[in-house]
PDB file of N, CA and C in Angstrom:
ATOM      1  N   UNK A   1       7.452  -1.151 -15.655  1.00  0.00           N
ATOM      2  CA  UNK A   1       6.489  -1.100 -14.578  1.00  0.00           C
ATOM      3  C   UNK A   1       7.228  -0.672 -13.315  1.00  0.00           C
ATOM      4  N   UNK A   2       6.504   0.003 -12.430  1.00  0.00           N
ATOM      5  CA  UNK A   2       7.087   0.497 -11.190  1.00  0.00           C
ATOM      6  C   UNK A   2       6.300  -0.053 -10.003  1.00  0.00           C
ATOM      7  N   UNK A   3       7.023  -0.589  -9.018  1.00  0.00           N
ATOM      8  CA  UNK A   3       6.413  -1.062  -7.778  1.00  0.00           C
ATOM      9  C   UNK A   3       6.519   0.043  -6.737  1.00  0.00           C
ATOM     10  N   UNK A   4       5.428   0.319  -6.074  1.00  0.00           N
ATOM     11  CA  UNK A   4       5.353   1.328  -5.009  1.00  0.00           C
ATOM     12  C   UNK A   4       5.124   0.556  -3.715  1.00  0.00           C
ATOM     13  N   UNK A   5       6.039   0.696  -2.730  1.00  0.00           N
ATOM     14  CA  UNK A   5       6.006  -0.160  -1.544  1.00  0.00           C
ATOM     15  C   UNK A   5       5.905   0.689  -0.286  1.00  0.00           C
ATOM     16  N   UNK A   6       5.017   0.264   0.613  1.00  0.00           N
ATOM     17  CA  UNK A   6       4.725   0.981   1.856  1.00  0.00           C
ATOM     18  C   UNK A   6       4.701  -0.014   3.006  1.00  0.00           C
ATOM     19  N   UNK A   7       5.092   0.414   4.193  1.00  0.00           N
ATOM     20  CA  UNK A   7       5.221  -0.453   5.360  1.00  0.00           C
ATOM     21  C   UNK A   7       4.426   0.105   6.534  1.00  0.00           C
ATOM     22  N   UNK A   8       3.798  -0.802   7.309  1.00  0.00           N
ATOM     23  CA  UNK A   8       3.049  -0.411   8.506  1.00  0.00           C
ATOM     24  C   UNK A   8       3.120  -1.532   9.533  1.00  0.00           C
ATOM     25  N   UNK A   9       2.726  -1.230  10.764  1.00  0.00           N
ATOM     26  CA  UNK A   9       2.636  -2.228  11.823  1.00  0.00           C
ATOM     27  C   UNK A   9       1.271  -2.129  12.484  1.00  0.00           C
ATOM     28  N   UNK A  10       0.865  -3.253  13.086  1.00  0.00           N
ATOM     29  CA  UNK A  10      -0.447  -3.303  13.736  1.00  0.00           C
ATOM     30  C   UNK A  10      -0.459  -4.436  14.752  1.00  0.00           C
ATOM     31  N   UNK A  11      -1.452  -4.399  15.616  1.00  0.00           N
ATOM     32  CA  UNK A  11      -1.745  -5.558  16.450  1.00  0.00           C
ATOM     33  C   UNK A  11      -2.414  -6.600  15.555  1.00  0.00           C
ATOM     34  N   UNK A  12      -2.618  -7.800  16.058  1.00  0.00           N
ATOM     35  CA  UNK A  12      -3.309  -8.828  15.271  1.00  0.00           C
ATOM     36  C   UNK A  12      -4.718  -8.362  14.902  1.00  0.00           C
ATOM     37  N   UNK A  13      -5.411  -7.740  15.844  1.00  0.00           N
ATOM     38  CA  UNK A  13      -6.767  -7.242  15.578  1.00  0.00           C
ATOM     39  C   UNK A  13      -6.739  -6.093  14.575  1.00  0.00           C
ATOM     40  N   UNK A  14      -5.769  -5.206  14.738  1.00  0.00           N
ATOM     41  CA  UNK A  14      -5.635  -4.092  13.805  1.00  0.00           C
ATOM     42  C   UNK A  14      -5.278  -4.571  12.409  1.00  0.00           C
ATOM     43  N   UNK A  15      -4.430  -5.582  12.312  1.00  0.00           N
ATOM     44  CA  UNK A  15      -4.072  -6.130  11.004  1.00  0.00           C
ATOM     45  C   UNK A  15      -5.297  -6.716  10.311  1.00  0.00           C
ATOM     46  N   UNK A  16      -6.128  -7.406  11.060  1.00  0.00           N
ATOM     47  CA  UNK A  16      -7.362  -7.957  10.478  1.00  0.00           C
ATOM     48  C   UNK A  16      -8.273  -6.828   9.996  1.00  0.00           C
ATOM     49  N   UNK A  17      -8.357  -5.755  10.764  1.00  0.00           N
ATOM     50  CA  UNK A  17      -9.166  -4.602  10.359  1.00  0.00           C
ATOM     51  C   UNK A  17      -8.583  -3.954   9.108  1.00  0.00           C
ATOM     52  N   UNK A  18      -7.252  -3.845   9.051  1.00  0.00           N
ATOM     53  CA  UNK A  18      -6.627  -3.256   7.869  1.00  0.00           C
ATOM     54  C   UNK A  18      -6.840  -4.147   6.648  1.00  0.00           C
ATOM     55  N   UNK A  19      -6.763  -5.452   6.812  1.00  0.00           N
ATOM     56  CA  UNK A  19      -7.007  -6.370   5.696  1.00  0.00           C
ATOM     57  C   UNK A  19      -8.410  -6.168   5.127  1.00  0.00           C
ATOM     58  N   UNK A  20      -9.396  -6.010   6.005  1.00  0.00           N
ATOM     59  CA  UNK A  20     -10.766  -5.748   5.537  1.00  0.00           C
ATOM     60  C   UNK A  20     -10.826  -4.418   4.784  1.00  0.00           C
ATOM     61  N   UNK A  21     -10.216  -3.388   5.359  1.00  0.00           N
ATOM     62  CA  UNK A  21     -10.198  -2.072   4.718  1.00  0.00           C
ATOM     63  C   UNK A  21      -9.537  -2.161   3.334  1.00  0.00           C
ATOM     64  N   UNK A  22      -8.433  -2.872   3.249  1.00  0.00           N
ATOM     65  CA  UNK A  22      -7.713  -3.024   1.988  1.00  0.00           C
ATOM     66  C   UNK A  22      -8.598  -3.696   0.945  1.00  0.00           C
ATOM     67  N   UNK A  23      -9.256  -4.784   1.334  1.00  0.00           N
ATOM     68  CA  UNK A  23     -10.094  -5.540   0.393  1.00  0.00           C
ATOM     69  C   UNK A  23     -11.356  -4.777  -0.008  1.00  0.00           C
ATOM     70  N   UNK A  24     -11.954  -4.074   0.949  1.00  0.00           N
ATOM     71  CA  UNK A  24     -13.251  -3.441   0.701  1.00  0.00           C
ATOM     72  C   UNK A  24     -13.159  -2.017   0.172  1.00  0.00           C
ATOM     73  N   UNK A  25     -12.070  -1.314   0.472  1.00  0.00           N
ATOM     74  CA  UNK A  25     -11.958   0.090   0.057  1.00  0.00           C
ATOM     75  C   UNK A  25     -10.787   0.367  -0.873  1.00  0.00           C
ATOM     76  N   UNK A  26      -9.597  -0.089  -0.482  1.00  0.00           N
ATOM     77  CA  UNK A  26      -8.398   0.257  -1.244  1.00  0.00           C
ATOM     78  C   UNK A  26      -8.409  -0.401  -2.618  1.00  0.00           C
ATOM     79  N   UNK A  27      -8.608  -1.707  -2.668  1.00  0.00           N
ATOM     80  CA  UNK A  27      -8.570  -2.399  -3.961  1.00  0.00           C
ATOM     81  C   UNK A  27      -9.609  -1.869  -4.948  1.00  0.00           C
ATOM     82  N   UNK A  28     -10.876  -1.709  -4.538  1.00  0.00           N
ATOM     83  CA  UNK A  28     -11.843  -1.161  -5.501  1.00  0.00           C
ATOM     84  C   UNK A  28     -11.454   0.227  -6.005  1.00  0.00           C
ATOM     85  N   UNK A  29     -10.910   1.075  -5.127  1.00  0.00           N
ATOM     86  CA  UNK A  29     -10.499   2.418  -5.550  1.00  0.00           C
ATOM     87  C   UNK A  29      -9.327   2.345  -6.525  1.00  0.00           C
ATOM     88  N   UNK A  30      -8.353   1.491  -6.241  1.00  0.00           N
ATOM     89  CA  UNK A  30      -7.194   1.373  -7.126  1.00  0.00           C
ATOM     90  C   UNK A  30      -7.577   0.853  -8.504  1.00  0.00           C
ATOM     91  N   UNK A  31      -8.528  -0.054  -8.557  1.00  0.00           N
ATOM     92  CA  UNK A  31      -8.936  -0.636  -9.847  1.00  0.00           C
ATOM     93  C   UNK A  31      -9.469   0.421 -10.812  1.00  0.00           C
ATOM     94  N   UNK A  32      -9.937   1.537 -10.269  1.00  0.00           N
ATOM     95  CA  UNK A  32     -10.487   2.589 -11.127  1.00  0.00           C
ATOM     96  C   UNK A  32      -9.441   3.609 -11.569  1.00  0.00           C
ATOM     97  N   UNK A  33      -8.199   3.462 -11.114  1.00  0.00           N
ATOM     98  CA  UNK A  33      -7.140   4.417 -11.457  1.00  0.00           C
ATOM     99  C   UNK A  33      -6.419   3.952 -12.719  1.00  0.00           C
ATOM    100  N   UNK A  34      -6.404   4.809 -13.708  1.00  0.00           N
ATOM    101  CA  UNK A  34      -5.723   4.509 -14.965  1.00  0.00           C
ATOM    102  C   UNK A  34      -4.238   4.275 -14.705  1.00  0.00           C
ATOM    103  N   UNK A  35      -3.697   3.187 -15.246  1.00  0.00           N
ATOM    104  CA  UNK A  35      -2.286   2.888 -15.103  1.00  0.00           C
ATOM    105  C   UNK A  35      -1.944   2.017 -13.913  1.00  0.00           C
ATOM    106  N   UNK A  36      -2.932   1.707 -13.077  1.00  0.00           N
ATOM    107  CA  UNK A  36      -2.699   0.796 -11.951  1.00  0.00           C
ATOM    108  C   UNK A  36      -2.719  -0.627 -12.488  1.00  0.00           C
ATOM    109  N   UNK A  37      -1.746  -1.454 -12.070  1.00  0.00           N
ATOM    110  CA  UNK A  37      -1.611  -2.798 -12.621  1.00  0.00           C
ATOM    111  C   UNK A  37      -1.674  -3.914 -11.594  1.00  0.00           C
ATOM    112  N   UNK A  38      -2.037  -3.608 -10.371  1.00  0.00           N
ATOM    113  CA  UNK A  38      -2.175  -4.669  -9.380  1.00  0.00           C
ATOM    114  C   UNK A  38      -1.720  -4.197  -8.012  1.00  0.00           C
ATOM    115  N   UNK A  39      -2.120  -4.959  -6.995  1.00  0.00           N
ATOM    116  CA  UNK A  39      -1.749  -4.614  -5.619  1.00  0.00           C
ATOM    117  C   UNK A  39      -1.651  -5.877  -4.786  1.00  0.00           C
ATOM    118  N   UNK A  40      -0.749  -5.849  -3.829  1.00  0.00           N
ATOM    119  CA  UNK A  40      -0.532  -6.972  -2.931  1.00  0.00           C
ATOM    120  C   UNK A  40      -0.452  -6.450  -1.505  1.00  0.00           C
ATOM    121  N   UNK A  41      -1.073  -7.166  -0.593  1.00  0.00           N
ATOM    122  CA  UNK A  41      -0.937  -6.898   0.836  1.00  0.00           C
ATOM    123  C   UNK A  41      -0.196  -8.077   1.443  1.00  0.00           C
ATOM    124  N   UNK A  42       0.966  -7.806   2.026  1.00  0.00           N
ATOM    125  CA  UNK A  42       1.811  -8.846   2.622  1.00  0.00           C
ATOM    126  C   UNK A  42       1.760  -8.709   4.134  1.00  0.00           C
ATOM    127  N   UNK A  43       1.755  -9.846   4.825  1.00  0.00           N
ATOM    128  CA  UNK A  43       1.648  -9.853   6.280  1.00  0.00           C
ATOM    129  C   UNK A  43       2.718 -10.768   6.870  1.00  0.00           C
ATOM    130  N   UNK A  44       3.366 -10.281   7.943  1.00  0.00           N
ATOM    131  CA  UNK A  44       4.325 -11.096   8.681  1.00  0.00           C
ATOM    132  C   UNK A  44       4.036 -10.918  10.164  1.00  0.00           C
ATOM    133  N   UNK A  45       3.649 -12.034  10.811  1.00  0.00           N
ATOM    134  CA  UNK A  45       3.326 -12.009  12.232  1.00  0.00           C
ATOM    135  C   UNK A  45       4.592 -12.170  13.061  1.00  0.00           C
ATOM    136  N   UNK A  46       4.709 -11.356  14.114  1.00  0.00           N
ATOM    137  CA  UNK A  46       5.841 -11.427  15.020  1.00  0.00           C
ATOM    138  C   UNK A  46       5.348 -11.524  16.453  1.00  0.00           C
ATOM    139  N   UNK A  47       6.216 -11.263  17.378  1.00  0.00           N
ATOM    140  CA  UNK A  47       5.877 -11.319  18.791  1.00  0.00           C
ATOM    141  C   UNK A  47       4.999 -10.139  19.172  1.00  0.00           C
ATOM    142  N   UNK A  48       3.686 -10.342  19.151  1.00  0.00           N
ATOM    143  CA  UNK A  48       2.744  -9.308  19.559  1.00  0.00           C
ATOM    144  C   UNK A  48       2.550  -8.185  18.565  1.00  0.00           C
ATOM    145  N   UNK A  49       3.152  -8.286  17.404  1.00  0.00           N
ATOM    146  CA  UNK A  49       3.028  -7.236  16.397  1.00  0.00           C
ATOM    147  C   UNK A  49       2.979  -7.861  15.012  1.00  0.00           C
ATOM    148  N   UNK A  50       2.258  -7.218  14.123  1.00  0.00           N
ATOM    149  CA  UNK A  50       2.146  -7.679  12.742  1.00  0.00           C
ATOM    150  C   UNK A  50       2.751  -6.615  11.840  1.00  0.00           C
ATOM    151  N   UNK A  51       3.619  -7.053  10.955  1.00  0.00           N
ATOM    152  CA  UNK A  51       4.198  -6.161   9.956  1.00  0.00           C
ATOM    153  C   UNK A  51       3.388  -6.311   8.674  1.00  0.00           C
ATOM    154  N   UNK A  52       3.012  -5.197   8.089  1.00  0.00           N
ATOM    155  CA  UNK A  52       2.262  -5.188   6.843  1.00  0.00           C
ATOM    156  C   UNK A  52       3.056  -4.443   5.786  1.00  0.00           C
ATOM    157  N   UNK A  53       3.043  -4.955   4.574  1.00  0.00           N
ATOM    158  CA  UNK A  53       3.617  -4.246   3.442  1.00  0.00           C
ATOM    159  C   UNK A  53       2.600  -4.246   2.316  1.00  0.00           C
ATOM    160  N   UNK A  54       2.456  -3.097   1.698  1.00  0.00           N
ATOM    161  CA  UNK A  54       1.582  -2.973   0.541  1.00  0.00           C
ATOM    162  C   UNK A  54       2.463  -2.666  -0.659  1.00  0.00           C
ATOM    163  N   UNK A  55       2.272  -3.449  -1.728  1.00  0.00           N
ATOM    164  CA  UNK A  55       2.975  -3.205  -2.969  1.00  0.00           C
ATOM    165  C   UNK A  55       1.936  -2.975  -4.058  1.00  0.00           C
ATOM    166  N   UNK A  56       1.994  -1.812  -4.674  1.00  0.00           N
ATOM    167  CA  UNK A  56       1.122  -1.531  -5.804  1.00  0.00           C
ATOM    168  C   UNK A  56       1.981  -1.412  -7.052  1.00  0.00           C
ATOM    169  N   UNK A  57       1.421  -1.798  -8.166  1.00  0.00           N
ATOM    170  CA  UNK A  57       2.150  -1.828  -9.432  1.00  0.00           C
ATOM    171  C   UNK A  57       1.552  -0.781 -10.368  1.00  0.00           C
ATOM    172  N   UNK A  58       2.450  -0.051 -11.066  1.00  0.00           N
ATOM    173  CA  UNK A  58       2.032   1.077 -11.895  1.00  0.00           C
ATOM    174  C   UNK A  58       2.752   1.069 -13.235  1.00  0.00           C
ATOM    175  N   UNK A  59       2.079   1.612 -14.252  1.00  0.00           N
ATOM    176  CA  UNK A  59       2.660   1.707 -15.594  1.00  0.00           C
ATOM    177  C   UNK A  59       3.830   2.674 -15.662  1.00  0.00           C
ATOM    178  N   UNK A  60       3.719   3.824 -14.975  1.00  0.00           N
ATOM    179  CA  UNK A  60       4.712   4.883 -15.155  1.00  0.00           C
ATOM    180  C   UNK A  60       4.688   5.858 -13.979  1.00  0.00           C
ATOM    181  N   UNK A  61       5.666   6.755 -13.967  1.00  0.00           N
ATOM    182  CA  UNK A  61       5.697   7.810 -12.946  1.00  0.00           C
ATOM    183  C   UNK A  61       4.471   8.711 -13.070  1.00  0.00           C
ATOM    184  N   UNK A  62       4.030   8.938 -14.280  1.00  0.00           N
ATOM    185  CA  UNK A  62       2.858   9.792 -14.489  1.00  0.00           C
ATOM    186  C   UNK A  62       1.607   9.170 -13.864  1.00  0.00           C
ATOM    187  N   UNK A  63       1.471   7.857 -13.987  1.00  0.00           N
ATOM    188  CA  UNK A  63       0.292   7.218 -13.390  1.00  0.00           C
ATOM    189  C   UNK A  63       0.379   7.236 -11.861  1.00  0.00           C
ATOM    190  N   UNK A  64       1.589   7.106 -11.325  1.00  0.00           N
ATOM    191  CA  UNK A  64       1.757   7.204  -9.864  1.00  0.00           C
ATOM    192  C   UNK A  64       1.402   8.611  -9.416  1.00  0.00           C
ATOM    193  N   UNK A  65       1.856   9.602 -10.137  1.00  0.00           N
ATOM    194  CA  UNK A  65       1.554  10.986  -9.788  1.00  0.00           C
ATOM    195  C   UNK A  65       0.050  11.252  -9.853  1.00  0.00           C
ATOM    196  N   UNK A  66      -0.633  10.633 -10.801  1.00  0.00           N
ATOM    197  CA  UNK A  66      -2.084  10.769 -10.878  1.00  0.00           C
ATOM    198  C   UNK A  66      -2.781  10.222  -9.650  1.00  0.00           C
ATOM    199  N   UNK A  67      -2.200   9.211  -9.047  1.00  0.00           N
ATOM    200  CA  UNK A  67      -2.749   8.612  -7.825  1.00  0.00           C
ATOM    201  C   UNK A  67      -2.303   9.366  -6.577  1.00  0.00           C
ATOM    202  N   UNK A  68      -1.002   9.623  -6.459  1.00  0.00           N
ATOM    203  CA  UNK A  68      -0.422  10.132  -5.215  1.00  0.00           C
ATOM    204  C   UNK A  68      -0.288  11.649  -5.166  1.00  0.00           C
ATOM    205  N   UNK A  69      -0.354  12.312  -6.311  1.00  0.00           N
ATOM    206  CA  UNK A  69      -0.132  13.745  -6.345  1.00  0.00           C
ATOM    207  C   UNK A  69       1.316  14.065  -6.668  1.00  0.00           C
ATOM    208  N   UNK A  70       1.657  15.338  -6.573  1.00  0.00           N
ATOM    209  CA  UNK A  70       2.992  15.808  -6.968  1.00  0.00           C
ATOM    210  C   UNK A  70       4.098  15.208  -6.125  1.00  0.00           C
ATOM    211  N   UNK A  71       3.839  14.976  -4.850  1.00  0.00           N
ATOM    212  CA  UNK A  71       4.846  14.382  -3.965  1.00  0.00           C
ATOM    213  C   UNK A  71       4.695  12.867  -3.988  1.00  0.00           C
ATOM    214  N   UNK A  72       5.236  12.229  -5.019  1.00  0.00           N
ATOM    215  CA  UNK A  72       5.005  10.806  -5.238  1.00  0.00           C
ATOM    216  C   UNK A  72       5.580   9.919  -4.137  1.00  0.00           C
ATOM    217  N   UNK A  73       6.535  10.413  -3.375  1.00  0.00           N
ATOM    218  CA  UNK A  73       7.121   9.605  -2.295  1.00  0.00           C
ATOM    219  C   UNK A  73       6.326   9.675  -0.999  1.00  0.00           C
ATOM    220  N   UNK A  74       5.306  10.513  -0.951  1.00  0.00           N
ATOM    221  CA  UNK A  74       4.476  10.605   0.249  1.00  0.00           C
ATOM    222  C   UNK A  74       3.438   9.478   0.235  1.00  0.00           C
ATOM    223  N   UNK A  75       3.280   8.818   1.371  1.00  0.00           N
ATOM    224  CA  UNK A  75       2.299   7.737   1.485  1.00  0.00           C
ATOM    225  C   UNK A  75       0.881   8.292   1.451  1.00  0.00           C
ATOM    226  N   UNK A  76      -0.019   7.547   0.835  1.00  0.00           N
ATOM    227  CA  UNK A  76      -1.443   7.883   0.819  1.00  0.00           C
ATOM    228  C   UNK A  76      -2.105   6.938   1.815  1.00  0.00           C
ATOM    229  N   UNK A  77      -2.480   7.464   2.995  1.00  0.00           N
ATOM    230  CA  UNK A  77      -3.040   6.637   4.067  1.00  0.00           C
ATOM    231  C   UNK A  77      -4.362   7.245   4.503  1.00  0.00           C
ATOM    232  N   UNK A  78      -5.438   6.513   4.297  1.00  0.00           N
ATOM    233  CA  UNK A  78      -6.769   6.988   4.660  1.00  0.00           C
ATOM    234  C   UNK A  78      -6.967   6.915   6.172  1.00  0.00           C
ATOM    235  N   UNK A  79      -7.841   7.754   6.725  1.00  0.00           N
ATOM    236  CA  UNK A  79      -8.108   7.728   8.171  1.00  0.00           C
ATOM    237  C   UNK A  79      -8.524   6.356   8.697  1.00  0.00           C
ATOM    238  N   UNK A  80      -9.292   5.603   7.928  1.00  0.00           N
ATOM    239  CA  UNK A  80      -9.708   4.259   8.368  1.00  0.00           C
ATOM    240  C   UNK A  80      -8.499   3.339   8.494  1.00  0.00           C
ATOM    241  N   UNK A  81      -7.518   3.507   7.631  1.00  0.00           N
ATOM    242  CA  UNK A  81      -6.289   2.716   7.720  1.00  0.00           C
ATOM    243  C   UNK A  81      -5.485   3.139   8.939  1.00  0.00           C
ATOM    244  N   UNK A  82      -5.329   4.437   9.137  1.00  0.00           N
ATOM    245  CA  UNK A  82      -4.586   4.945  10.296  1.00  0.00           C
ATOM    246  C   UNK A  82      -5.152   4.396  11.596  1.00  0.00           C
ATOM    247  N   UNK A  83      -6.477   4.321  11.691  1.00  0.00           N
ATOM    248  CA  UNK A  83      -7.135   3.856  12.912  1.00  0.00           C
ATOM    249  C   UNK A  83      -6.813   2.400  13.227  1.00  0.00           C
ATOM    250  N   UNK A  84      -6.512   1.609  12.207  1.00  0.00           N
ATOM    251  CA  UNK A  84      -6.246   0.178  12.402  1.00  0.00           C
ATOM    252  C   UNK A  84      -4.782  -0.115  12.727  1.00  0.00           C
ATOM    253  N   UNK A  85      -3.913   0.862  12.524  1.00  0.00           N
ATOM    254  CA  UNK A  85      -2.476   0.624  12.608  1.00  0.00           C
ATOM    255  C   UNK A  85      -1.862   1.186  13.882  1.00  0.00           C
ATOM    256  N   UNK A  86      -0.761   0.582  14.325  1.00  0.00           N
ATOM    257  CA  UNK A  86      -0.007   1.136  15.455  1.00  0.00           C
ATOM    258  C   UNK A  86       1.105   2.055  14.969  1.00  0.00           C
ATOM    259  N   UNK A  87       1.488   1.917  13.717  1.00  0.00           N
ATOM    260  CA  UNK A  87       2.504   2.771  13.127  1.00  0.00           C
ATOM    261  C   UNK A  87       2.567   2.549  11.633  1.00  0.00           C
ATOM    262  N   UNK A  88       3.058   3.558  10.916  1.00  0.00           N
ATOM    263  CA  UNK A  88       3.199   3.407   9.468  1.00  0.00           C
ATOM    264  C   UNK A  88       4.197   4.419   8.950  1.00  0.00           C
ATOM    265  N   UNK A  89       4.811   4.069   7.824  1.00  0.00           N
ATOM    266  CA  UNK A  89       5.737   4.968   7.160  1.00  0.00           C
ATOM    267  C   UNK A  89       4.953   6.086   6.484  1.00  0.00           C
ATOM    268  N   UNK A  90       5.476   7.286   6.558  1.00  0.00           N
ATOM    269  CA  UNK A  90       4.839   8.417   5.885  1.00  0.00           C
ATOM    270  C   UNK A  90       5.336   8.567   4.449  1.00  0.00           C
ATOM    271  N   UNK A  91       6.336   7.770   4.103  1.00  0.00           N
ATOM    272  CA  UNK A  91       6.842   7.775   2.735  1.00  0.00           C
ATOM    273  C   UNK A  91       6.814   6.355   2.172  1.00  0.00           C
ATOM    274  N   UNK A  92       6.950   6.273   0.880  1.00  0.00           N
ATOM    275  CA  UNK A  92       6.989   4.980   0.185  1.00  0.00           C
ATOM    276  C   UNK A  92       8.301   4.880  -0.582  1.00  0.00           C
ATOM    277  N   UNK A  93       8.628   3.674  -1.005  1.00  0.00           N
ATOM    278  CA  UNK A  93       9.773   3.507  -1.901  1.00  0.00           C
ATOM    279  C   UNK A  93       9.251   3.033  -3.247  1.00  0.00           C
ATOM    280  N   UNK A  94       9.996   3.353  -4.275  1.00  0.00           N
ATOM    281  CA  UNK A  94       9.634   2.955  -5.638  1.00  0.00           C
ATOM    282  C   UNK A  94      10.774   2.124  -6.220  1.00  0.00           C
ATOM    283  N   UNK A  95      10.382   1.069  -6.928  1.00  0.00           N
ATOM    284  CA  UNK A  95      11.365   0.167  -7.515  1.00  0.00           C
ATOM    285  C   UNK A  95      10.939  -0.149  -8.946  1.00  0.00           C
ATOM    286  N   UNK A  96      11.863  -0.077  -9.858  1.00  0.00           N
ATOM    287  CA  UNK A  96      11.578  -0.469 -11.224  1.00  0.00           C
ATOM    288  C   UNK A  96      11.584  -1.975 -11.336  1.00  0.00           C
ATOM    289  N   UNK A  97      10.550  -2.534 -11.898  1.00  0.00           N
ATOM    290  CA  UNK A  97      10.458  -3.978 -12.096  1.00  0.00           C
ATOM    291  C   UNK A  97      11.312  -4.318 -13.318  1.00  0.00           C
ATOM    292  N   UNK A  98      12.333  -5.139 -13.104  1.00  0.00           N
ATOM    293  CA  UNK A  98      13.231  -5.488 -14.206  1.00  0.00           C
ATOM    294  C   UNK A  98      13.014  -6.912 -14.711  1.00  0.00           C
ATOM    295  N   UNK A  99      12.282  -7.723 -13.945  1.00  0.00           N
ATOM    296  CA  UNK A  99      11.937  -9.076 -14.376  1.00  0.00           C
ATOM    297  C   UNK A  99      10.716  -9.520 -13.597  1.00  0.00           C
ATOM    298  N   UNK A 100       9.896 -10.339 -14.197  1.00  0.00           N
ATOM    299  CA  UNK A 100       8.729 -10.903 -13.510  1.00  0.00           C
ATOM    300  C   UNK A 100       8.439 -12.268 -14.116  1.00  0.00           C
ATOM    301  N   UNK A 101       7.622 -13.034 -13.412  1.00  0.00           N
ATOM    302  CA  UNK A 101       7.343 -14.380 -13.898  1.00  0.00           C
ATOM    303  C   UNK A 101       5.906 -14.716 -13.883  1.00  0.00           C
TER     304      UNK A 101
END
């Protein structure tokens, strides 16, 4: 399994808006993608800024490519997500899952 990880920042209000977008749009869309195995939205509050990380789980590189296109390291960020964020990475990192519990 492969974990695909993306990072963004937002205000507290923007983070709440992104959480809604993630729950109402991103998760339902991901559930329909063959080879998708789960998704997590992580939040860390700081001084006036919220750090967000999204981790999606995939069966293989082929399934990631089916979702992200040929440039698998490019982030897929919808306009509604961009509007809620103060900044975000344009690329993602991929990690092979070697153990889970």
